[in-house]
């Protein structure tokens, strides 16, 4: 698994968890869904993704969407 697919898996998992929590616990959990969506949107435009940074530090392989700073320059 590379960083790109790990970010997508994490975003999907967080969205499903927050939707289940909104259904069973409180609708306020939909704020987490909105946060995940906003983060995906801004990372699509800027290329900055906190989850990608964490996965890179954990030693995951790079993908096309989130290359290291050294490769970008």
C-alpha atoms as a PDB file:
ATOM      1  CA  UNK A   1       0.000   0.000   0.000  1.00  0.00           C
ATOM      2  CA  UNK A   2       1.323   3.434  -0.868  1.00  0.00           C
ATOM      3  CA  UNK A   3       0.600   6.827   0.702  1.00  0.00           C
ATOM      4  CA  UNK A   4      -2.079   7.720  -1.839  1.00  0.00           C
ATOM      5  CA  UNK A   5      -4.189   4.643  -1.202  1.00  0.00           C
ATOM      6  CA  UNK A   6      -3.638   4.916   2.575  1.00  0.00           C
ATOM      7  CA  UNK A   7      -4.991   8.481   2.557  1.00  0.00           C
ATOM      8  CA  UNK A   8      -8.068   7.366   0.611  1.00  0.00           C
ATOM      9  CA  UNK A   9      -8.646   4.413   2.947  1.00  0.00           C
ATOM     10  CA  UNK A  10      -8.306   6.650   6.016  1.00  0.00           C
ATOM     11  CA  UNK A  11     -10.698   9.258   4.567  1.00  0.00           C
ATOM     12  CA  UNK A  12     -13.269   6.610   3.677  1.00  0.00           C
ATOM     13  CA  UNK A  13     -12.990   4.953   7.069  1.00  0.00           C
ATOM     14  CA  UNK A  14     -13.350   8.252   8.935  1.00  0.00           C
ATOM     15  CA  UNK A  15     -16.386   9.179   6.826  1.00  0.00           C
ATOM     16  CA  UNK A  16     -18.110   5.847   7.476  1.00  0.00           C
ATOM     17  CA  UNK A  17     -17.334   5.975  11.207  1.00  0.00           C
ATOM     18  CA  UNK A  18     -18.657   9.522  11.543  1.00  0.00           C
ATOM     19  CA  UNK A  19     -21.819   8.638   9.591  1.00  0.00           C
ATOM     20  CA  UNK A  20     -22.464   5.672  11.897  1.00  0.00           C
ATOM     21  CA  UNK A  21     -21.829   7.814  14.975  1.00  0.00           C
ATOM     22  CA  UNK A  22     -24.188  10.474  13.606  1.00  0.00           C
ATOM     23  CA  UNK A  23     -26.893   7.861  13.100  1.00  0.00           C
ATOM     24  CA  UNK A  24     -26.535   6.110  16.467  1.00  0.00           C
ATOM     25  CA  UNK A  25     -25.145   8.788  18.808  1.00  0.00           C
ATOM     26  CA  UNK A  26     -25.578  12.394  17.694  1.00  0.00           C
ATOM     27  CA  UNK A  27     -25.907  14.335  14.432  1.00  0.00           C
ATOM     28  CA  UNK A  28     -23.009  16.502  15.613  1.00  0.00           C
ATOM     29  CA  UNK A  29     -20.656  13.758  14.368  1.00  0.00           C
ATOM     30  CA  UNK A  30     -21.409  14.960  10.837  1.00  0.00           C
ATOM     31  CA  UNK A  31     -18.935  17.758  11.556  1.00  0.00           C
ATOM     32  CA  UNK A  32     -16.197  15.118  11.323  1.00  0.00           C
ATOM     33  CA  UNK A  33     -17.510  14.137   7.887  1.00  0.00           C
ATOM     34  CA  UNK A  34     -17.411  17.798   6.828  1.00  0.00           C
ATOM     35  CA  UNK A  35     -13.841  18.127   8.142  1.00  0.00           C
ATOM     36  CA  UNK A  36     -12.695  15.071   6.182  1.00  0.00           C
ATOM     37  CA  UNK A  37     -14.353  16.366   3.017  1.00  0.00           C
ATOM     38  CA  UNK A  38     -12.820  19.815   3.442  1.00  0.00           C
ATOM     39  CA  UNK A  39      -9.384  18.296   4.021  1.00  0.00           C
ATOM     40  CA  UNK A  40      -9.683  16.193   0.843  1.00  0.00           C
ATOM     41  CA  UNK A  41     -10.790  19.255  -1.108  1.00  0.00           C
ATOM     42  CA  UNK A  42      -7.942  21.481   0.068  1.00  0.00           C
ATOM     43  CA  UNK A  43      -5.329  18.746  -0.408  1.00  0.00           C
ATOM     44  CA  UNK A  44      -6.542  18.326  -3.983  1.00  0.00           C
ATOM     45  CA  UNK A  45      -5.839  21.991  -4.674  1.00  0.00           C
ATOM     46  CA  UNK A  46      -2.729  22.549  -2.545  1.00  0.00           C
ATOM     47  CA  UNK A  47      -1.079  19.118  -2.359  1.00  0.00           C
ATOM     48  CA  UNK A  48      -0.743  19.506   1.429  1.00  0.00           C
ATOM     49  CA  UNK A  49      -2.165  16.606   3.421  1.00  0.00           C
ATOM     50  CA  UNK A  50      -1.373  16.037   7.119  1.00  0.00           C
ATOM     51  CA  UNK A  51      -2.249  12.339   6.817  1.00  0.00           C
ATOM     52  CA  UNK A  52       0.237  11.931   3.954  1.00  0.00           C
ATOM     53  CA  UNK A  53       2.959  13.495   6.093  1.00  0.00           C
ATOM     54  CA  UNK A  54       2.214  11.068   8.922  1.00  0.00           C
ATOM     55  CA  UNK A  55       2.159   8.063   6.586  1.00  0.00           C
ATOM     56  CA  UNK A  56       5.472   9.172   5.039  1.00  0.00           C
ATOM     57  CA  UNK A  57       7.059   9.372   8.505  1.00  0.00           C
ATOM     58  CA  UNK A  58       5.755   5.875   9.217  1.00  0.00           C
ATOM     59  CA  UNK A  59       7.766   4.673   6.220  1.00  0.00           C
ATOM     60  CA  UNK A  60       5.108   4.060   3.585  1.00  0.00           C
ATOM     61  CA  UNK A  61       5.967   4.090  -0.109  1.00  0.00           C
ATOM     62  CA  UNK A  62       5.260   7.264  -1.996  1.00  0.00           C
ATOM     63  CA  UNK A  63       2.541   7.502  -4.595  1.00  0.00           C
ATOM     64  CA  UNK A  64       1.867   9.939  -7.423  1.00  0.00           C
ATOM     65  CA  UNK A  65      -0.398  12.335  -5.526  1.00  0.00           C
ATOM     66  CA  UNK A  66       1.818  13.067  -2.520  1.00  0.00           C
ATOM     67  CA  UNK A  67       5.487  13.015  -3.569  1.00  0.00           C
ATOM     68  CA  UNK A  68       8.223  14.064  -1.158  1.00  0.00           C
ATOM     69  CA  UNK A  69       9.514  17.633  -1.164  1.00  0.00           C
ATOM     70  CA  UNK A  70      12.861  16.453  -2.596  1.00  0.00           C
ATOM     71  CA  UNK A  71      11.139  14.953  -5.644  1.00  0.00           C
ATOM     72  CA  UNK A  72       9.013  18.045  -6.248  1.00  0.00           C
ATOM     73  CA  UNK A  73      11.983  20.418  -6.610  1.00  0.00           C
END
